[in-house]
Amino acid sequence: MKDETAQSKTEHDENFPVASRLVAPRFRAPILAFYRFARVADDIADDSALAPAAKLAGLAAMEATLTGASEKSAPASALRAALAARNLSPRHALDLLAAFRLDVTKRRYRDWGELMDYCALSAAPVGRFVLDVHAESPALWPASDAICASLQVIDHLQDCGQDFMRLDRVYLPQDALDRAGATIAQLSAPRATPALRAAIGDLARRAGALLDDGAALAGGVKDFRLACEIGAIVRLARANVGRLERRDPLSERVHPGKPAFVATAIIGALETALTRAWTAGGQKSAETRAT
């Protein structure tokens, strides 16, 4: 079984900010506990050296620890303590575990709707948990879900060749491949065919549309620093959508380099801060005129 202390990534290696310095310090610890739990579970599901039964057993051990039935998983124990300290439910973490079980047992997706059903378990719980930690309204969940699903699709597209070659896992829906005249086998080539590029570009545009669906989130949250974090994430996501429309993820780098990552995130955060300040100023002026 995988050593849970040896994570494949840390929060600093992800494609999007995870509890960055934009987030208020009092909220970072539970978010990082959630992230580390998810990272270990993801590593178990993605371990090519483990048989499916062993992966499912590892995920079951994490769930048992999360719910207090055992103490086998250190990350699950840490998250359970963080949840208890803030009177938060484990529901979002349990949904993530359901997604990782799907990663073990399901390797193909028929259409966009089926992929979105997967994202409802693999991506939406992350945003919902962050909102819960900040005591934000569940009314914001749909906008958050859309953004999180977009981030998930972007990651799938960036890693589509690696996922297929290493794990025989394909998140590109079959109907999108069929429409473009592409095949799953083309994911093993050193360069994407024009048909595969067309399918990837179409899915990237759908990911961009999800960002549009979630556009109200940054303006809807009460916490200013969380709004800036959301602005940074969305700006990075839009940049990645653009690169996926222009570049071949099988042969070209899609992830931004560190300087571009930082610069794009700062621009997104500043845009959100300025928009909120402008909106707040306009509302205050309107209230003054009304009185």
Protein backbone atom coordinates (compact mmCIF):
# COMPACT_ATOMS: atom_id res chain seq x y z
CA MET A 1 0.00 0.00 0.00
CA LYS A 2 1.17 3.51 -0.78
CA ASP A 3 3.03 5.40 1.94
CA GLU A 4 0.62 8.19 2.84
CA THR A 5 3.46 10.48 3.89
CA ALA A 6 4.87 10.47 0.33
CA GLN A 7 2.37 12.52 -1.65
CA SER A 8 2.94 12.88 -5.39
CA LYS A 9 2.26 16.62 -5.16
CA THR A 10 1.87 19.35 -2.61
CA GLU A 11 -0.46 22.33 -2.75
CA HIS A 12 2.39 24.29 -4.37
CA ASP A 13 2.51 21.95 -7.39
CA GLU A 14 -1.12 22.20 -8.46
CA ASN A 15 -2.36 23.93 -11.60
CA PHE A 16 -4.52 26.30 -9.56
CA PRO A 17 -4.01 28.01 -6.18
CA VAL A 18 -4.81 25.93 -3.10
CA ALA A 19 -5.29 27.93 0.10
CA SER A 20 -2.87 30.58 -1.15
CA ARG A 21 -1.87 33.64 0.86
CA LEU A 22 -4.95 35.33 -0.49
CA VAL A 23 -7.04 33.17 1.84
CA ALA A 24 -7.25 34.39 5.43
CA PRO A 25 -4.90 32.41 7.72
CA ARG A 26 -7.69 31.07 9.93
CA PHE A 27 -9.19 29.25 6.95
CA ARG A 28 -6.02 27.75 5.48
CA ALA A 29 -5.55 24.86 7.94
CA PRO A 30 -8.88 23.08 7.26
CA ILE A 31 -8.56 23.66 3.51
CA LEU A 32 -5.07 22.18 3.51
CA ALA A 33 -6.26 19.22 5.60
CA PHE A 34 -8.96 18.62 2.98
CA TYR A 35 -6.43 18.98 0.16
CA ARG A 36 -3.96 16.53 1.72
CA PHE A 37 -6.74 14.00 2.29
CA ALA A 38 -7.78 14.33 -1.35
CA ARG A 39 -4.21 14.15 -2.61
CA VAL A 40 -3.51 10.85 -0.83
CA ALA A 41 -6.81 9.37 -2.02
CA ASP A 42 -6.03 10.50 -5.57
CA ASP A 43 -2.57 8.93 -5.38
CA ILE A 44 -4.09 5.63 -4.28
CA ALA A 45 -6.57 5.65 -7.18
CA ASP A 46 -3.83 6.60 -9.68
CA ASP A 47 -1.15 4.16 -8.46
CA SER A 48 -0.42 2.01 -11.52
CA ALA A 49 1.36 -0.57 -9.33
CA LEU A 50 -1.75 -1.33 -7.27
CA ALA A 51 -4.46 -3.79 -8.26
CA PRO A 52 -8.03 -2.39 -8.27
CA ALA A 53 -8.93 -4.38 -5.15
CA ALA A 54 -5.99 -2.89 -3.26
CA LYS A 55 -6.94 0.61 -4.36
CA LEU A 56 -10.50 0.15 -3.18
CA ALA A 57 -9.24 -1.23 0.13
CA GLY A 58 -7.04 1.82 0.61
CA LEU A 59 -9.93 4.17 -0.10
CA ALA A 60 -12.14 2.19 2.28
CA ALA A 61 -9.52 2.59 5.02
CA MET A 62 -9.56 6.35 4.48
CA GLU A 63 -13.36 6.43 4.71
CA ALA A 64 -13.34 4.32 7.88
CA THR A 65 -10.90 6.72 9.51
CA LEU A 66 -12.81 9.78 8.32
CA THR A 67 -16.00 8.47 9.91
CA GLY A 68 -14.26 7.42 13.14
CA ALA A 69 -14.40 3.65 12.64
CA SER A 70 -10.60 3.26 12.55
CA GLU A 71 -7.32 5.17 12.74
CA LYS A 72 -5.55 3.64 9.74
CA SER A 73 -5.21 6.82 7.66
CA ALA A 74 -3.29 9.78 9.04
CA PRO A 75 -4.63 12.31 6.47
CA ALA A 76 -8.20 11.15 7.13
CA SER A 77 -7.66 11.43 10.86
CA ALA A 78 -6.29 14.96 10.46
CA LEU A 79 -9.25 15.98 8.34
CA ARG A 80 -11.72 14.43 10.80
CA ALA A 81 -10.17 16.53 13.58
CA ALA A 82 -10.32 19.68 11.44
CA LEU A 83 -13.98 19.05 10.66
CA ALA A 84 -14.86 18.40 14.28
CA ALA A 85 -13.11 21.58 15.41
CA ARG A 86 -15.37 23.61 13.10
CA ASN A 87 -18.52 21.50 13.33
CA LEU A 88 -18.35 20.66 9.62
CA SER A 89 -19.79 17.60 7.91
CA PRO A 90 -17.61 14.96 6.17
CA ARG A 91 -20.07 14.84 3.26
CA HIS A 92 -17.78 16.61 0.77
CA ALA A 93 -14.84 14.35 1.59
CA LEU A 94 -17.07 11.29 1.27
CA ASP A 95 -18.20 12.49 -2.16
CA LEU A 96 -14.56 12.77 -3.20
CA LEU A 97 -13.92 9.20 -2.12
CA ALA A 98 -16.86 8.12 -4.29
CA ALA A 99 -15.18 9.87 -7.24
CA PHE A 100 -11.87 8.12 -6.57
CA ARG A 101 -13.69 4.78 -6.50
CA LEU A 102 -15.06 5.66 -9.92
CA ASP A 103 -11.49 6.32 -11.08
CA VAL A 104 -10.66 2.75 -10.10
CA THR A 105 -13.66 1.13 -11.76
CA LYS A 106 -14.68 3.42 -14.67
CA ARG A 107 -12.26 4.29 -17.47
CA ARG A 108 -14.47 5.74 -20.20
CA TYR A 109 -17.20 8.42 -20.42
CA ARG A 110 -19.99 8.27 -22.94
CA ASP A 111 -20.92 11.96 -23.17
CA TRP A 112 -20.66 15.37 -21.53
CA GLY A 113 -23.51 14.68 -19.12
CA GLU A 114 -21.80 11.56 -17.83
CA LEU A 115 -18.58 13.51 -17.35
CA MET A 116 -20.45 16.23 -15.46
CA ASP A 117 -21.93 13.56 -13.18
CA TYR A 118 -18.37 12.52 -12.38
CA CYS A 119 -17.35 16.15 -11.77
CA ALA A 120 -20.24 16.49 -9.33
CA LEU A 121 -18.32 14.04 -7.13
CA SER A 122 -14.71 14.80 -8.06
CA ALA A 123 -14.72 18.61 -8.35
CA ALA A 124 -17.84 20.23 -6.88
CA PRO A 125 -17.14 19.01 -3.30
CA VAL A 126 -13.86 20.94 -3.25
CA GLY A 127 -15.49 24.29 -3.90
CA ARG A 128 -18.40 23.51 -1.62
CA PHE A 129 -16.02 22.66 1.21
CA VAL A 130 -14.12 25.93 0.80
CA LEU A 131 -17.41 27.83 0.88
CA ASP A 132 -18.51 25.94 4.00
CA VAL A 133 -15.24 26.71 5.76
CA HIS A 134 -15.87 30.39 5.06
CA ALA A 135 -19.52 30.07 6.23
CA GLU A 136 -20.73 31.18 2.81
CA SER A 137 -24.27 30.49 1.61
CA PRO A 138 -25.11 27.15 -0.06
CA ALA A 139 -26.96 29.30 -2.62
CA LEU A 140 -23.51 29.86 -4.14
CA TRP A 141 -22.93 26.15 -4.73
CA PRO A 142 -24.18 26.08 -8.37
CA ALA A 143 -21.76 28.82 -9.42
CA SER A 144 -18.96 27.14 -7.52
CA ASP A 145 -19.84 23.77 -9.03
CA ALA A 146 -19.55 25.21 -12.54
CA ILE A 147 -16.10 26.68 -11.89
CA CYS A 148 -14.84 23.52 -10.22
CA ALA A 149 -16.13 21.35 -13.07
CA SER A 150 -14.32 23.62 -15.51
CA LEU A 151 -11.05 23.24 -13.61
CA GLN A 152 -11.50 19.46 -13.63
CA VAL A 153 -12.10 19.35 -17.39
CA ILE A 154 -9.08 21.58 -18.01
CA ASP A 155 -6.89 19.23 -15.98
CA HIS A 156 -8.29 16.23 -17.89
CA LEU A 157 -7.50 17.85 -21.22
CA GLN A 158 -3.99 18.85 -20.20
CA ASP A 159 -3.20 15.33 -19.01
CA CYS A 160 -5.22 13.35 -21.55
CA GLY A 161 -2.24 11.57 -23.09
CA GLN A 162 -0.65 10.65 -19.76
CA ASP A 163 -3.95 9.42 -18.32
CA PHE A 164 -4.46 7.09 -21.27
CA MET A 165 -0.90 5.80 -21.53
CA ARG A 166 -0.32 5.28 -17.81
CA LEU A 167 -3.77 4.30 -16.53
CA ASP A 168 -5.85 3.49 -19.63
CA ARG A 169 -8.22 6.17 -18.38
CA VAL A 170 -9.97 8.54 -20.79
CA TYR A 171 -12.01 11.51 -19.61
CA LEU A 172 -12.66 12.85 -23.12
CA PRO A 173 -16.29 11.86 -23.78
CA GLN A 174 -16.71 9.35 -26.59
CA ASP A 175 -19.35 11.42 -28.35
CA ALA A 176 -16.97 14.42 -28.52
CA LEU A 177 -14.32 12.20 -30.11
CA ASP A 178 -16.88 10.79 -32.54
CA ARG A 179 -18.07 14.23 -33.65
CA ALA A 180 -14.52 15.24 -34.49
CA GLY A 181 -13.65 11.94 -36.15
CA ALA A 182 -11.03 11.19 -33.48
CA THR A 183 -10.29 7.93 -31.67
CA ILE A 184 -9.06 6.97 -28.23
CA ALA A 185 -6.04 5.25 -29.77
CA GLN A 186 -4.82 8.63 -31.04
CA LEU A 187 -4.08 9.63 -27.45
CA SER A 188 -1.01 7.37 -27.54
CA ALA A 189 0.60 9.24 -30.44
CA PRO A 190 3.50 11.69 -29.89
CA ARG A 191 1.36 14.45 -31.46
CA ALA A 192 -2.37 14.92 -31.65
CA THR A 193 -4.06 14.49 -35.01
CA PRO A 194 -6.14 17.38 -36.38
CA ALA A 195 -9.27 15.45 -35.40
CA LEU A 196 -8.09 14.98 -31.82
CA ARG A 197 -7.06 18.63 -31.65
CA ALA A 198 -10.58 19.56 -32.77
CA ALA A 199 -12.14 17.42 -30.03
CA ILE A 200 -9.86 18.90 -27.37
CA GLY A 201 -10.60 22.42 -28.58
CA ASP A 202 -14.34 21.79 -28.44
CA LEU A 203 -14.10 20.47 -24.88
CA ALA A 204 -11.88 23.41 -23.88
CA ARG A 205 -14.54 25.82 -25.11
CA ARG A 206 -17.15 23.96 -23.06
CA ALA A 207 -14.89 24.36 -20.04
CA GLY A 208 -14.77 28.09 -20.79
CA ALA A 209 -18.57 28.18 -20.90
CA LEU A 210 -18.64 26.63 -17.42
CA LEU A 211 -16.48 29.52 -16.19
CA ASP A 212 -19.10 31.87 -17.60
CA ASP A 213 -21.78 29.94 -15.71
CA GLY A 214 -19.86 30.51 -12.48
CA ALA A 215 -19.04 34.17 -13.13
CA ALA A 216 -21.20 35.42 -10.25
CA LEU A 217 -19.26 33.53 -7.59
CA ALA A 218 -16.49 36.06 -6.88
CA GLY A 219 -19.02 38.83 -6.47
CA GLY A 220 -21.37 36.70 -4.40
CA VAL A 221 -19.09 35.56 -1.59
CA LYS A 222 -18.95 37.73 1.54
CA ASP A 223 -15.26 37.15 2.23
CA PHE A 224 -13.15 39.64 0.25
CA ARG A 225 -9.98 37.54 0.34
CA LEU A 226 -11.82 34.46 -0.86
CA ALA A 227 -13.25 36.52 -3.72
CA CYS A 228 -9.71 37.49 -4.76
CA GLU A 229 -8.63 33.83 -4.65
CA ILE A 230 -11.57 32.93 -6.89
CA GLY A 231 -10.62 35.74 -9.26
CA ALA A 232 -7.07 34.42 -9.50
CA ILE A 233 -8.27 30.88 -10.16
CA VAL A 234 -10.73 31.92 -12.86
CA ARG A 235 -8.15 34.08 -14.62
CA LEU A 236 -5.71 31.15 -14.66
CA ALA A 237 -8.44 28.84 -15.92
CA ARG A 238 -9.34 31.16 -18.80
CA ALA A 239 -5.68 31.37 -19.78
CA ASN A 240 -5.45 27.57 -19.76
CA VAL A 241 -8.57 27.29 -21.91
CA GLY A 242 -6.93 29.58 -24.44
CA ARG A 243 -3.75 27.52 -24.48
CA LEU A 244 -5.72 24.29 -24.94
CA GLU A 245 -7.43 25.83 -27.97
CA ARG A 246 -4.03 26.76 -29.47
CA ARG A 247 -1.69 24.00 -28.32
CA ASP A 248 -1.39 20.24 -28.53
CA PRO A 249 -1.32 18.74 -25.02
CA LEU A 250 0.35 15.58 -26.35
CA SER A 251 3.43 17.42 -27.62
CA GLU A 252 3.37 20.95 -26.18
CA ARG A 253 3.43 22.45 -22.72
CA VAL A 254 0.00 23.66 -21.67
CA HIS A 255 0.70 24.42 -18.01
CA PRO A 256 2.03 27.96 -17.53
CA GLY A 257 5.52 28.47 -16.16
CA LYS A 258 5.90 29.82 -12.64
CA PRO A 259 6.32 33.51 -13.62
CA ALA A 260 3.26 33.39 -15.89
CA PHE A 261 1.28 31.52 -13.23
CA VAL A 262 2.04 34.15 -10.59
CA ALA A 263 1.44 37.10 -12.91
CA THR A 264 -1.87 35.74 -14.17
CA ALA A 265 -3.07 34.98 -10.65
CA ILE A 266 -2.17 38.48 -9.45
CA ILE A 267 -4.02 40.07 -12.36
CA GLY A 268 -7.10 37.97 -11.64
CA ALA A 269 -7.04 38.84 -7.95
CA LEU A 270 -6.58 42.55 -8.64
CA GLU A 271 -9.38 42.61 -11.21
CA THR A 272 -11.72 41.04 -8.69
CA ALA A 273 -10.66 43.42 -5.93
CA LEU A 274 -11.22 46.44 -8.16
CA THR A 275 -14.58 45.16 -9.40
CA ARG A 276 -15.80 44.60 -5.85
CA ALA A 277 -14.57 48.03 -4.75
CA TRP A 278 -16.27 49.68 -7.73
CA THR A 279 -19.51 47.78 -7.10
CA ALA A 280 -19.47 48.60 -3.40
CA GLY A 281 -18.83 52.26 -4.18
CA GLY A 282 -21.72 52.34 -6.62
CA GLN A 283 -24.06 50.74 -4.13
CA LYS A 284 -23.04 53.22 -1.44
CA SER A 285 -23.63 56.17 -3.78
CA ALA A 286 -27.06 54.82 -4.68
CA GLU A 287 -27.95 54.43 -1.00
CA THR A 288 -26.78 57.99 -0.30
CA ARG A 289 -28.92 59.38 -3.13
CA ALA A 290 -31.92 57.40 -1.90
CA THR A 291 -31.67 59.00 1.54
